[in-house]
Structure formats: C-alpha cells, structure tokens
Amino acid sequence: MDPQERYLRQRVKEELRRRIRAVRGALPASARAARSARVAERVLALPEVAEARCVAGFVAIRGEVDPRAILQALAEAGARVCLPRVDPERGTLTLHEWAPGAALRPGAFGVPEPPADAPDVSPQDVDLAIVPGLAFDPRGHRVGYGKGYYDRLLAAMPSARTVAVGYDFQLVPEVPNLPHDVPVAAVVTDARTLRTEER
C-alpha cells in the first residue's frame, strides 16, 4: 500500500472515530443498558459461544456495549474468563484471569483492569474473544481507538473465534482497513448478527 493511500485511509478512520464517538456519547445510560442486553442475548445464542472454555472479554469504557452479562453467563457455564491489562511501554495487551464481580483497578489510560498479580492467560489458550471497537463493517474489519492494541492481541490468538460487539449504528458499509488490521469472525449488534469473512 503506497503512503498516500495509507494516509487517506487513516484520515477516514479518524473521521469515523469522531462521528461514532459523538453518536455513542449521546446515548442515555438506559438506552445503552437496553441495547447491551440485546447484544448479550444475540452473542449467547451463537454456537461457538456456548462451546467456549476460555473467553477473553473487556471492560466497557466511554459508553461501549457492556459485555458483563455475556462474561457472567459464560463463567456460570464453567468457562475460564480473562480480561486484558495494557502494557503501554510495549504497546500490547496481556490477558489475566478474572471472576465476574472481582475487583478491578484503574490501569493505563484509566481503563479498569485485573490486578497485576492475577494469573496470566496465554492468548493461545483463548477459544473465544469478545472484542470492542468504534466502528465495524460486514467484512469483519473494525476501527478501534487507534493504538493497534487489539489487532496485535487478535493476531496472537490463532484458535480464537472472534466476536465484535457494538450498537447497530456502529456498523458501517466499509471500514478502510490497513495491512496490520485483523478482522473478526462475527459482528453482533443490538439488531443483527453478521458472519464475516474468515480470518
């Protein structure tokens, strides 16, 4: 990809981030909760989710879809649940065991994380990853916050089925992907479930 094309795609991604953040920020808390509940119902109906034994999730920030109900249900079904910790010096996410309801502590960028002494989980052990984002397209490409943390984590999860979750307005016709972007296998919103191109 030539530098001009890369630049243009990055500019489009920035505009998508700005637009989706504005719309998401205008959602009342009650609407976020209701939509998150519908997302959870759809995710938990997926066959690969019911079969998962080791699940990577995330903690919702800045009005994201809240995956707590998904993680709670999977933990109750016997799955091992883990959440990421940010390592800003390396630009990576590490995974650590977490039980629903267990304490979280503010980490890098103020994102709640498991404590540093929580047991590590290898990305290679994860068979299901619930993934956040700002925008998604039907091909499974996503726009995150621009640091590439999740793309690097997804690339290290060769066995994981990856499911991105968001509100339906976060689904756009096409996300301008870059060579390092890693698509997900499914996108689930409060209104629909999309199977994407296999990654």
N, C-alpha and C. Protein backbone atom coordinates (compact mmCIF):
# COMPACT_ATOMS: atom_id res chain seq x y z
N MET A 1 0.85 -1.19 0.00
CA MET A 1 0.00 0.00 0.00
C MET A 1 0.89 1.25 0.00
N ASP A 2 0.64 2.16 -0.95
CA ASP A 2 1.50 3.34 -1.04
C ASP A 2 1.17 4.34 0.08
N PRO A 3 2.10 5.22 0.42
CA PRO A 3 1.91 6.14 1.54
C PRO A 3 0.67 7.03 1.42
N GLN A 4 0.34 7.46 0.20
CA GLN A 4 -0.83 8.32 0.02
C GLN A 4 -2.12 7.56 0.35
N GLU A 5 -2.22 6.32 -0.11
CA GLU A 5 -3.40 5.51 0.19
C GLU A 5 -3.51 5.25 1.68
N ARG A 6 -2.40 4.94 2.33
CA ARG A 6 -2.40 4.72 3.78
C ARG A 6 -2.87 5.98 4.51
N TYR A 7 -2.37 7.12 4.09
CA TYR A 7 -2.74 8.39 4.71
C TYR A 7 -4.24 8.64 4.59
N LEU A 8 -4.79 8.43 3.39
CA LEU A 8 -6.22 8.65 3.18
C LEU A 8 -7.06 7.72 4.03
N ARG A 9 -6.66 6.46 4.12
CA ARG A 9 -7.40 5.50 4.95
C ARG A 9 -7.35 5.88 6.42
N GLN A 10 -6.20 6.34 6.87
CA GLN A 10 -6.09 6.77 8.26
C GLN A 10 -6.98 7.99 8.53
N ARG A 11 -7.07 8.91 7.57
CA ARG A 11 -7.93 10.08 7.73
C ARG A 11 -9.40 9.67 7.83
N VAL A 12 -9.81 8.70 7.01
CA VAL A 12 -11.19 8.22 7.06
C VAL A 12 -11.46 7.56 8.41
N LYS A 13 -10.50 6.79 8.90
CA LYS A 13 -10.66 6.15 10.21
C LYS A 13 -10.84 7.20 11.30
N GLU A 14 -10.06 8.27 11.25
CA GLU A 14 -10.18 9.33 12.25
C GLU A 14 -11.56 9.97 12.21
N GLU A 15 -12.08 10.16 11.02
CA GLU A 15 -13.42 10.75 10.90
C GLU A 15 -14.48 9.80 11.44
N LEU A 16 -14.32 8.50 11.18
CA LEU A 16 -15.25 7.51 11.74
C LEU A 16 -15.20 7.53 13.27
N ARG A 17 -14.00 7.59 13.81
CA ARG A 17 -13.87 7.65 15.28
C ARG A 17 -14.62 8.86 15.83
N ARG A 18 -14.41 10.00 15.22
CA ARG A 18 -15.04 11.23 15.71
C ARG A 18 -16.56 11.12 15.65
N ARG A 19 -17.07 10.63 14.51
CA ARG A 19 -18.51 10.57 14.32
C ARG A 19 -19.18 9.58 15.26
N ILE A 20 -18.61 8.38 15.38
CA ILE A 20 -19.20 7.34 16.22
C ILE A 20 -19.12 7.73 17.70
N ARG A 21 -18.02 8.32 18.10
CA ARG A 21 -17.91 8.77 19.50
C ARG A 21 -19.02 9.76 19.83
N ALA A 22 -19.30 10.67 18.90
CA ALA A 22 -20.33 11.69 19.14
C ALA A 22 -21.71 11.04 19.29
N VAL A 23 -22.03 10.11 18.40
CA VAL A 23 -23.34 9.45 18.47
C VAL A 23 -23.43 8.59 19.73
N ARG A 24 -22.40 7.83 19.99
CA ARG A 24 -22.41 6.95 21.17
C ARG A 24 -22.50 7.76 22.46
N GLY A 25 -21.81 8.89 22.49
CA GLY A 25 -21.82 9.73 23.67
C GLY A 25 -23.19 10.34 23.96
N ALA A 26 -24.04 10.42 22.94
CA ALA A 26 -25.37 10.99 23.12
C ALA A 26 -26.40 9.97 23.61
N LEU A 27 -26.02 8.68 23.65
CA LEU A 27 -26.96 7.65 24.10
C LEU A 27 -27.17 7.75 25.61
N PRO A 28 -28.42 7.82 26.07
CA PRO A 28 -28.66 7.80 27.52
C PRO A 28 -28.24 6.45 28.12
N ALA A 29 -27.93 6.46 29.40
CA ALA A 29 -27.50 5.23 30.08
C ALA A 29 -28.54 4.13 29.96
N SER A 30 -29.82 4.49 30.02
CA SER A 30 -30.88 3.48 29.93
C SER A 30 -30.89 2.82 28.56
N ALA A 31 -30.62 3.58 27.51
CA ALA A 31 -30.58 3.03 26.15
C ALA A 31 -29.36 2.13 25.99
N ARG A 32 -28.23 2.54 26.56
CA ARG A 32 -27.02 1.69 26.49
C ARG A 32 -27.27 0.35 27.18
N ALA A 33 -27.92 0.41 28.34
CA ALA A 33 -28.19 -0.83 29.08
C ALA A 33 -29.13 -1.74 28.30
N ALA A 34 -30.19 -1.19 27.73
CA ALA A 34 -31.16 -1.99 26.98
C ALA A 34 -30.51 -2.59 25.73
N ARG A 35 -29.73 -1.81 25.03
CA ARG A 35 -29.07 -2.31 23.83
C ARG A 35 -28.00 -3.35 24.17
N SER A 36 -27.28 -3.13 25.27
CA SER A 36 -26.28 -4.11 25.70
C SER A 36 -26.93 -5.44 26.03
N ALA A 37 -28.12 -5.39 26.64
CA ALA A 37 -28.84 -6.63 26.97
C ALA A 37 -29.22 -7.38 25.69
N ARG A 38 -29.63 -6.66 24.65
CA ARG A 38 -29.98 -7.32 23.39
C ARG A 38 -28.74 -7.92 22.72
N VAL A 39 -27.62 -7.20 22.79
CA VAL A 39 -26.37 -7.74 22.26
C VAL A 39 -26.01 -9.03 22.98
N ALA A 40 -26.13 -9.02 24.31
CA ALA A 40 -25.79 -10.21 25.09
C ALA A 40 -26.65 -11.41 24.68
N GLU A 41 -27.93 -11.19 24.48
CA GLU A 41 -28.83 -12.29 24.05
C GLU A 41 -28.35 -12.87 22.72
N ARG A 42 -27.99 -12.02 21.79
CA ARG A 42 -27.55 -12.49 20.47
C ARG A 42 -26.21 -13.23 20.55
N VAL A 43 -25.28 -12.69 21.33
CA VAL A 43 -23.97 -13.33 21.46
C VAL A 43 -24.12 -14.70 22.11
N LEU A 44 -24.90 -14.78 23.18
CA LEU A 44 -25.05 -16.05 23.89
C LEU A 44 -25.78 -17.11 23.08
N ALA A 45 -26.45 -16.70 22.01
CA ALA A 45 -27.14 -17.66 21.13
C ALA A 45 -26.21 -18.26 20.08
N LEU A 46 -24.99 -17.74 19.94
CA LEU A 46 -24.06 -18.26 18.94
C LEU A 46 -23.51 -19.62 19.39
N PRO A 47 -23.48 -20.62 18.52
CA PRO A 47 -22.99 -21.95 18.89
C PRO A 47 -21.57 -21.95 19.42
N GLU A 48 -20.69 -21.16 18.80
CA GLU A 48 -19.29 -21.15 19.25
C GLU A 48 -19.14 -20.54 20.63
N VAL A 49 -20.08 -19.70 21.02
CA VAL A 49 -20.04 -19.10 22.35
C VAL A 49 -20.42 -20.13 23.40
N ALA A 50 -21.44 -20.91 23.12
CA ALA A 50 -21.87 -21.94 24.07
C ALA A 50 -20.77 -22.98 24.30
N GLU A 51 -19.92 -23.20 23.30
CA GLU A 51 -18.86 -24.22 23.40
C GLU A 51 -17.56 -23.68 24.01
N ALA A 52 -17.47 -22.38 24.25
CA ALA A 52 -16.21 -21.77 24.67
C ALA A 52 -15.79 -22.23 26.05
N ARG A 53 -14.51 -22.51 26.21
CA ARG A 53 -13.95 -22.90 27.50
C ARG A 53 -13.03 -21.84 28.08
N CYS A 54 -12.45 -21.00 27.23
CA CYS A 54 -11.58 -19.92 27.69
C CYS A 54 -11.93 -18.65 26.90
N VAL A 55 -12.43 -17.66 27.61
CA VAL A 55 -13.02 -16.48 26.97
C VAL A 55 -12.26 -15.21 27.37
N ALA A 56 -11.86 -14.44 26.37
CA ALA A 56 -11.28 -13.12 26.61
C ALA A 56 -12.38 -12.08 26.40
N GLY A 57 -12.58 -11.24 27.39
CA GLY A 57 -13.56 -10.17 27.29
C GLY A 57 -12.90 -8.81 27.43
N PHE A 58 -13.70 -7.83 27.78
CA PHE A 58 -13.18 -6.48 28.01
C PHE A 58 -14.11 -5.76 28.98
N VAL A 59 -13.63 -4.64 29.51
CA VAL A 59 -14.44 -3.80 30.38
C VAL A 59 -14.90 -2.60 29.56
N ALA A 60 -16.20 -2.35 29.55
CA ALA A 60 -16.75 -1.26 28.74
C ALA A 60 -16.29 0.10 29.28
N ILE A 61 -15.86 0.95 28.37
CA ILE A 61 -15.49 2.33 28.71
C ILE A 61 -16.14 3.27 27.70
N ARG A 62 -16.31 4.51 28.09
CA ARG A 62 -16.78 5.57 27.18
C ARG A 62 -18.06 5.20 26.44
N GLY A 63 -18.97 4.52 27.14
CA GLY A 63 -20.27 4.23 26.54
C GLY A 63 -20.32 3.02 25.64
N GLU A 64 -19.27 2.17 25.66
CA GLU A 64 -19.28 0.96 24.83
C GLU A 64 -20.39 0.01 25.27
N VAL A 65 -20.74 -0.93 24.38
CA VAL A 65 -21.61 -2.04 24.76
C VAL A 65 -20.97 -2.74 25.96
N ASP A 66 -21.78 -3.02 26.98
CA ASP A 66 -21.28 -3.64 28.20
C ASP A 66 -21.38 -5.16 28.08
N PRO A 67 -20.24 -5.87 28.09
CA PRO A 67 -20.27 -7.33 27.92
C PRO A 67 -20.39 -8.11 29.23
N ARG A 68 -20.65 -7.42 30.35
CA ARG A 68 -20.64 -8.13 31.64
C ARG A 68 -21.63 -9.29 31.69
N ALA A 69 -22.83 -9.12 31.11
CA ALA A 69 -23.81 -10.20 31.15
C ALA A 69 -23.32 -11.42 30.36
N ILE A 70 -22.60 -11.19 29.28
CA ILE A 70 -22.03 -12.29 28.49
C ILE A 70 -20.99 -13.04 29.32
N LEU A 71 -20.08 -12.29 29.92
CA LEU A 71 -19.00 -12.90 30.69
C LEU A 71 -19.53 -13.62 31.92
N GLN A 72 -20.56 -13.04 32.56
CA GLN A 72 -21.18 -13.67 33.72
C GLN A 72 -21.79 -15.02 33.34
N ALA A 73 -22.54 -15.03 32.23
CA ALA A 73 -23.20 -16.27 31.79
C ALA A 73 -22.17 -17.34 31.44
N LEU A 74 -21.10 -16.95 30.78
CA LEU A 74 -20.09 -17.93 30.39
C LEU A 74 -19.33 -18.46 31.61
N ALA A 75 -19.05 -17.58 32.56
CA ALA A 75 -18.39 -18.03 33.79
C ALA A 75 -19.28 -19.00 34.55
N GLU A 76 -20.57 -18.73 34.61
CA GLU A 76 -21.51 -19.62 35.29
C GLU A 76 -21.60 -20.97 34.58
N ALA A 77 -21.34 -20.97 33.26
CA ALA A 77 -21.37 -22.22 32.49
C ALA A 77 -20.05 -22.98 32.60
N GLY A 78 -19.09 -22.42 33.33
CA GLY A 78 -17.83 -23.12 33.55
C GLY A 78 -16.65 -22.64 32.73
N ALA A 79 -16.83 -21.60 31.94
CA ALA A 79 -15.72 -21.09 31.14
C ALA A 79 -14.74 -20.30 32.00
N ARG A 80 -13.50 -20.34 31.60
CA ARG A 80 -12.46 -19.51 32.22
C ARG A 80 -12.52 -18.15 31.54
N VAL A 81 -12.64 -17.08 32.33
CA VAL A 81 -12.79 -15.73 31.78
C VAL A 81 -11.52 -14.93 32.07
N CYS A 82 -11.09 -14.18 31.08
CA CYS A 82 -9.93 -13.31 31.29
C CYS A 82 -10.20 -11.93 30.69
N LEU A 83 -9.49 -10.95 31.24
CA LEU A 83 -9.59 -9.56 30.78
C LEU A 83 -8.18 -9.05 30.48
N PRO A 84 -8.09 -8.03 29.64
CA PRO A 84 -6.76 -7.51 29.30
C PRO A 84 -6.22 -6.50 30.31
N ARG A 85 -4.90 -6.49 30.38
CA ARG A 85 -4.15 -5.41 31.03
C ARG A 85 -3.31 -4.75 29.95
N VAL A 86 -3.23 -3.43 29.99
CA VAL A 86 -2.47 -2.69 28.99
C VAL A 86 -1.02 -2.54 29.44
N ASP A 87 -0.10 -2.88 28.53
CA ASP A 87 1.32 -2.61 28.75
C ASP A 87 1.70 -1.50 27.77
N PRO A 88 1.61 -0.23 28.21
CA PRO A 88 1.83 0.88 27.26
C PRO A 88 3.25 0.96 26.74
N GLU A 89 4.22 0.47 27.51
CA GLU A 89 5.61 0.54 27.05
C GLU A 89 5.84 -0.38 25.85
N ARG A 90 5.19 -1.54 25.87
CA ARG A 90 5.34 -2.49 24.76
C ARG A 90 4.24 -2.33 23.71
N GLY A 91 3.20 -1.59 24.05
CA GLY A 91 2.09 -1.43 23.12
C GLY A 91 1.29 -2.71 22.95
N THR A 92 1.18 -3.49 24.04
CA THR A 92 0.49 -4.77 23.96
C THR A 92 -0.55 -4.90 25.08
N LEU A 93 -1.43 -5.88 24.90
CA LEU A 93 -2.37 -6.29 25.93
C LEU A 93 -1.95 -7.67 26.44
N THR A 94 -1.96 -7.84 27.74
CA THR A 94 -1.76 -9.17 28.32
C THR A 94 -3.09 -9.59 28.94
N LEU A 95 -3.33 -10.89 29.00
CA LEU A 95 -4.59 -11.42 29.50
C LEU A 95 -4.41 -12.01 30.89
N HIS A 96 -5.43 -11.77 31.75
CA HIS A 96 -5.36 -12.23 33.13
C HIS A 96 -6.71 -12.75 33.58
N GLU A 97 -6.69 -13.82 34.36
CA GLU A 97 -7.94 -14.40 34.85
C GLU A 97 -8.74 -13.38 35.65
N TRP A 98 -10.05 -13.51 35.52
CA TRP A 98 -10.96 -12.61 36.24
C TRP A 98 -12.27 -13.35 36.47
N ALA A 99 -12.80 -13.22 37.68
CA ALA A 99 -14.11 -13.78 38.01
C ALA A 99 -15.11 -12.63 38.05
N PRO A 100 -16.28 -12.77 37.41
CA PRO A 100 -17.27 -11.70 37.45
C PRO A 100 -17.53 -11.24 38.89
N GLY A 101 -17.48 -9.93 39.06
CA GLY A 101 -17.66 -9.35 40.38
C GLY A 101 -16.36 -9.08 41.11
N ALA A 102 -15.26 -9.67 40.67
CA ALA A 102 -13.97 -9.45 41.31
C ALA A 102 -13.50 -8.02 41.07
N ALA A 103 -12.71 -7.52 42.00
CA ALA A 103 -12.25 -6.12 41.93
C ALA A 103 -11.38 -5.88 40.70
N LEU A 104 -11.53 -4.70 40.14
CA LEU A 104 -10.68 -4.23 39.06
C LEU A 104 -10.01 -2.94 39.52
N ARG A 105 -8.86 -2.65 38.94
CA ARG A 105 -8.13 -1.44 39.32
C ARG A 105 -7.85 -0.60 38.09
N PRO A 106 -7.84 0.73 38.23
CA PRO A 106 -7.52 1.57 37.07
C PRO A 106 -6.11 1.27 36.57
N GLY A 107 -6.00 1.02 35.27
CA GLY A 107 -4.70 0.75 34.67
C GLY A 107 -4.30 1.89 33.76
N ALA A 108 -3.51 1.58 32.76
CA ALA A 108 -3.10 2.59 31.80
C ALA A 108 -4.33 3.19 31.13
N PHE A 109 -4.28 4.47 30.88
CA PHE A 109 -5.38 5.21 30.25
C PHE A 109 -6.64 5.20 31.12
N GLY A 110 -6.53 4.79 32.40
CA GLY A 110 -7.68 4.79 33.29
C GLY A 110 -8.65 3.64 33.08
N VAL A 111 -8.31 2.68 32.24
CA VAL A 111 -9.19 1.55 31.96
C VAL A 111 -9.13 0.55 33.12
N PRO A 112 -10.28 0.13 33.67
CA PRO A 112 -10.26 -0.87 34.75
C PRO A 112 -9.66 -2.19 34.27
N GLU A 113 -8.78 -2.77 35.10
CA GLU A 113 -8.07 -3.99 34.74
C GLU A 113 -8.00 -4.93 35.93
N PRO A 114 -7.76 -6.22 35.67
CA PRO A 114 -7.44 -7.13 36.79
C PRO A 114 -6.15 -6.66 37.46
N PRO A 115 -5.95 -6.99 38.73
CA PRO A 115 -4.70 -6.61 39.39
C PRO A 115 -3.50 -7.29 38.74
N ALA A 116 -2.33 -6.70 38.95
CA ALA A 116 -1.11 -7.21 38.31
C ALA A 116 -0.78 -8.64 38.71
N ASP A 117 -1.25 -9.05 39.91
CA ASP A 117 -0.93 -10.42 40.35
C ASP A 117 -1.97 -11.46 39.93
N ALA A 118 -2.96 -11.05 39.14
CA ALA A 118 -3.95 -12.02 38.63
C ALA A 118 -3.24 -13.00 37.70
N PRO A 119 -3.59 -14.29 37.75
CA PRO A 119 -2.90 -15.28 36.91
C PRO A 119 -2.95 -14.92 35.42
N ASP A 120 -1.82 -15.13 34.75
CA ASP A 120 -1.75 -14.89 33.30
C ASP A 120 -2.54 -15.94 32.54
N VAL A 121 -3.06 -15.54 31.39
CA VAL A 121 -3.69 -16.46 30.45
C VAL A 121 -3.00 -16.28 29.11
N SER A 122 -2.54 -17.36 28.51
CA SER A 122 -1.90 -17.28 27.20
C SER A 122 -2.95 -17.00 26.13
N PRO A 123 -2.69 -16.05 25.22
CA PRO A 123 -3.62 -15.81 24.11
C PRO A 123 -3.90 -17.09 23.31
N GLN A 124 -2.93 -18.00 23.27
CA GLN A 124 -3.11 -19.24 22.51
C GLN A 124 -4.13 -20.17 23.15
N ASP A 125 -4.45 -19.96 24.43
CA ASP A 125 -5.45 -20.79 25.11
C ASP A 125 -6.88 -20.28 24.90
N VAL A 126 -7.02 -19.07 24.39
CA VAL A 126 -8.34 -18.46 24.23
C VAL A 126 -9.05 -19.07 23.03
N ASP A 127 -10.28 -19.55 23.24
CA ASP A 127 -11.05 -20.05 22.09
C ASP A 127 -12.21 -19.14 21.71
N LEU A 128 -12.45 -18.08 22.50
CA LEU A 128 -13.46 -17.08 22.15
C LEU A 128 -13.00 -15.74 22.66
N ALA A 129 -13.04 -14.73 21.79
CA ALA A 129 -12.70 -13.36 22.19
C ALA A 129 -13.87 -12.44 21.86
N ILE A 130 -14.33 -11.73 22.89
CA ILE A 130 -15.37 -10.70 22.72
C ILE A 130 -14.62 -9.38 22.60
N VAL A 131 -14.81 -8.69 21.47
CA VAL A 131 -13.94 -7.58 21.09
C VAL A 131 -14.73 -6.27 20.99
N PRO A 132 -14.19 -5.17 21.55
CA PRO A 132 -14.84 -3.87 21.40
C PRO A 132 -14.38 -3.16 20.13
N GLY A 133 -14.91 -1.97 19.90
CA GLY A 133 -14.48 -1.14 18.78
C GLY A 133 -15.38 0.06 18.64
N LEU A 134 -15.00 0.94 17.74
CA LEU A 134 -15.81 2.13 17.48
C LEU A 134 -16.68 1.97 16.24
N ALA A 135 -16.17 1.26 15.23
CA ALA A 135 -16.93 1.02 14.00
C ALA A 135 -16.56 -0.34 13.45
N PHE A 136 -17.51 -0.97 12.75
CA PHE A 136 -17.32 -2.31 12.19
C PHE A 136 -17.94 -2.35 10.81
N ASP A 137 -17.43 -3.26 9.97
CA ASP A 137 -18.09 -3.43 8.68
C ASP A 137 -18.43 -4.91 8.46
N PRO A 138 -19.23 -5.22 7.43
CA PRO A 138 -19.66 -6.61 7.22
C PRO A 138 -18.54 -7.59 6.90
N ARG A 139 -17.35 -7.07 6.55
CA ARG A 139 -16.21 -7.95 6.29
C ARG A 139 -15.49 -8.34 7.58
N GLY A 140 -15.87 -7.72 8.70
CA GLY A 140 -15.21 -8.01 9.96
C GLY A 140 -14.10 -7.05 10.33
N HIS A 141 -13.89 -6.04 9.51
CA HIS A 141 -12.88 -5.04 9.86
C HIS A 141 -13.47 -4.07 10.88
N ARG A 142 -12.60 -3.56 11.75
CA ARG A 142 -13.05 -2.70 12.84
C ARG A 142 -12.14 -1.49 12.98
N VAL A 143 -12.68 -0.45 13.56
CA VAL A 143 -11.91 0.73 13.94
C VAL A 143 -11.89 0.77 15.45
N GLY A 144 -10.68 0.75 16.03
CA GLY A 144 -10.55 0.88 17.48
C GLY A 144 -10.18 2.30 17.84
N TYR A 145 -9.42 2.45 18.91
CA TYR A 145 -9.04 3.79 19.36
C TYR A 145 -7.74 4.29 18.74
N GLY A 146 -7.15 3.49 17.86
CA GLY A 146 -6.03 3.99 17.08
C GLY A 146 -4.65 3.56 17.52
N LYS A 147 -4.54 2.75 18.58
CA LYS A 147 -3.23 2.34 19.07
C LYS A 147 -2.82 0.94 18.57
N GLY A 148 -3.77 0.18 18.02
CA GLY A 148 -3.46 -1.14 17.49
C GLY A 148 -3.36 -2.25 18.52
N TYR A 149 -3.74 -1.97 19.77
CA TYR A 149 -3.62 -2.98 20.83
C TYR A 149 -4.39 -4.26 20.49
N TYR A 150 -5.64 -4.10 20.07
CA TYR A 150 -6.46 -5.29 19.81
C TYR A 150 -6.01 -6.03 18.56
N ASP A 151 -5.54 -5.33 17.56
CA ASP A 151 -5.04 -6.04 16.37
C ASP A 151 -3.87 -6.94 16.74
N ARG A 152 -2.97 -6.44 17.58
CA ARG A 152 -1.83 -7.26 17.99
C ARG A 152 -2.28 -8.45 18.84
N LEU A 153 -3.28 -8.22 19.72
CA LEU A 153 -3.78 -9.32 20.54
C LEU A 153 -4.48 -10.37 19.68
N LEU A 154 -5.33 -9.94 18.76
CA LEU A 154 -6.06 -10.88 17.91
C LEU A 154 -5.10 -11.71 17.06
N ALA A 155 -4.02 -11.09 16.60
CA ALA A 155 -3.04 -11.82 15.80
C ALA A 155 -2.35 -12.93 16.61
N ALA A 156 -2.35 -12.77 17.94
CA ALA A 156 -1.71 -13.77 18.81
C ALA A 156 -2.67 -14.84 19.29
N MET A 157 -3.92 -14.83 18.78
CA MET A 157 -4.95 -15.79 19.20
C MET A 157 -5.34 -16.69 18.04
N PRO A 158 -4.49 -17.62 17.65
CA PRO A 158 -4.76 -18.41 16.45
C PRO A 158 -5.98 -19.30 16.54
N SER A 159 -6.38 -19.70 17.75
CA SER A 159 -7.51 -20.63 17.89
C SER A 159 -8.82 -19.96 18.26
N ALA A 160 -8.78 -18.65 18.47
CA ALA A 160 -9.98 -17.97 18.99
C ALA A 160 -10.97 -17.65 17.89
N ARG A 161 -12.25 -17.89 18.19
CA ARG A 161 -13.34 -17.32 17.39
C ARG A 161 -13.53 -15.91 17.93
N THR A 162 -13.57 -14.93 17.05
CA THR A 162 -13.60 -13.54 17.47
C THR A 162 -14.95 -12.91 17.14
N VAL A 163 -15.55 -12.29 18.15
CA VAL A 163 -16.87 -11.69 18.01
C VAL A 163 -16.80 -10.24 18.47
N ALA A 164 -16.98 -9.31 17.55
CA ALA A 164 -17.01 -7.89 17.90
C ALA A 164 -18.44 -7.51 18.28
N VAL A 165 -18.57 -6.68 19.30
CA VAL A 165 -19.89 -6.25 19.76
C VAL A 165 -19.99 -4.73 19.70
N GLY A 166 -21.16 -4.24 19.29
CA GLY A 166 -21.38 -2.80 19.21
C GLY A 166 -22.86 -2.50 19.03
N TYR A 167 -23.18 -1.24 19.06
CA TYR A 167 -24.55 -0.80 18.78
C TYR A 167 -24.74 -0.81 17.26
N ASP A 168 -25.98 -0.93 16.82
CA ASP A 168 -26.20 -1.10 15.39
C ASP A 168 -25.71 0.11 14.57
N PHE A 169 -25.73 1.31 15.16
CA PHE A 169 -25.26 2.48 14.40
C PHE A 169 -23.74 2.46 14.21
N GLN A 170 -23.04 1.56 14.90
CA GLN A 170 -21.59 1.45 14.72
C GLN A 170 -21.23 0.59 13.50
N LEU A 171 -22.21 -0.05 12.92
CA LEU A 171 -21.98 -0.86 11.72
C LEU A 171 -22.04 0.06 10.51
N VAL A 172 -20.96 0.09 9.73
CA VAL A 172 -20.87 0.96 8.56
C VAL A 172 -20.62 0.09 7.33
N PRO A 173 -20.89 0.61 6.12
CA PRO A 173 -20.73 -0.22 4.92
C PRO A 173 -19.31 -0.74 4.73
N GLU A 174 -18.31 0.10 5.02
CA GLU A 174 -16.93 -0.34 4.83
C GLU A 174 -16.00 0.44 5.74
N VAL A 175 -15.11 -0.29 6.40
CA VAL A 175 -14.05 0.31 7.19
C VAL A 175 -12.78 0.27 6.35
N PRO A 176 -12.06 1.39 6.24
CA PRO A 176 -10.83 1.39 5.45
C PRO A 176 -9.72 0.66 6.20
N ASN A 177 -9.49 -0.58 5.83
CA ASN A 177 -8.52 -1.39 6.57
C ASN A 177 -7.09 -1.14 6.08
N LEU A 178 -6.17 -1.37 7.02
CA LEU A 178 -4.74 -1.25 6.75
C LEU A 178 -4.10 -2.63 6.87
N PRO A 179 -2.88 -2.82 6.36
CA PRO A 179 -2.28 -4.16 6.34
C PRO A 179 -2.20 -4.85 7.71
N HIS A 180 -2.02 -4.08 8.78
CA HIS A 180 -1.88 -4.70 10.11
C HIS A 180 -3.22 -5.02 10.77
N ASP A 181 -4.33 -4.58 10.19
CA ASP A 181 -5.65 -4.79 10.80
C ASP A 181 -6.03 -6.27 10.74
N VAL A 182 -6.62 -6.76 11.83
CA VAL A 182 -7.05 -8.16 11.91
C VAL A 182 -8.57 -8.20 11.99
N PRO A 183 -9.25 -8.77 10.99
CA PRO A 183 -10.71 -8.82 11.03
C PRO A 183 -11.22 -9.84 12.04
N VAL A 184 -12.48 -9.67 12.44
CA VAL A 184 -13.13 -10.60 13.36
C VAL A 184 -14.03 -11.55 12.57
N ALA A 185 -14.44 -12.63 13.22
CA ALA A 185 -15.24 -13.66 12.53
C ALA A 185 -16.74 -13.34 12.54
N ALA A 186 -17.17 -12.51 13.50
CA ALA A 186 -18.59 -12.15 13.57
C ALA A 186 -18.72 -10.76 14.19
N VAL A 187 -19.76 -10.06 13.78
CA VAL A 187 -20.10 -8.77 14.38
C VAL A 187 -21.53 -8.88 14.90
N VAL A 188 -21.72 -8.58 16.18
CA VAL A 188 -23.05 -8.68 16.79
C VAL A 188 -23.45 -7.30 17.33
N THR A 189 -24.60 -6.83 16.88
CA THR A 189 -25.15 -5.57 17.39
C THR A 189 -26.48 -5.86 18.08
N ASP A 190 -27.12 -4.81 18.55
CA ASP A 190 -28.42 -5.00 19.20
C ASP A 190 -29.51 -5.36 18.20
N ALA A 191 -29.23 -5.26 16.89
CA ALA A 191 -30.25 -5.53 15.89
C ALA A 191 -29.92 -6.69 14.95
N ARG A 192 -28.66 -7.11 14.88
CA ARG A 192 -28.31 -8.16 13.93
C ARG A 192 -27.00 -8.86 14.29
N THR A 193 -26.84 -10.03 13.66
CA THR A 193 -25.63 -10.82 13.81
C THR A 193 -25.08 -11.07 12.41
N LEU A 194 -23.84 -10.69 12.18
CA LEU A 194 -23.23 -10.86 10.87
C LEU A 194 -22.04 -11.80 10.95
N ARG A 195 -22.06 -12.86 10.14
CA ARG A 195 -20.89 -13.68 9.94
C ARG A 195 -20.03 -12.99 8.89
N THR A 196 -18.75 -12.94 9.14
CA THR A 196 -17.86 -12.18 8.24
C THR A 196 -16.94 -13.14 7.52
N GLU A 197 -16.05 -12.56 6.72
CA GLU A 197 -15.05 -13.37 6.06
C GLU A 197 -14.18 -14.03 7.12
N GLU A 198 -13.82 -15.28 6.88
CA GLU A 198 -12.97 -15.98 7.84
C GLU A 198 -11.61 -15.30 7.90
N ARG A 199 -11.08 -15.19 9.09
CA ARG A 199 -9.75 -14.57 9.19
C ARG A 199 -8.68 -15.65 9.19
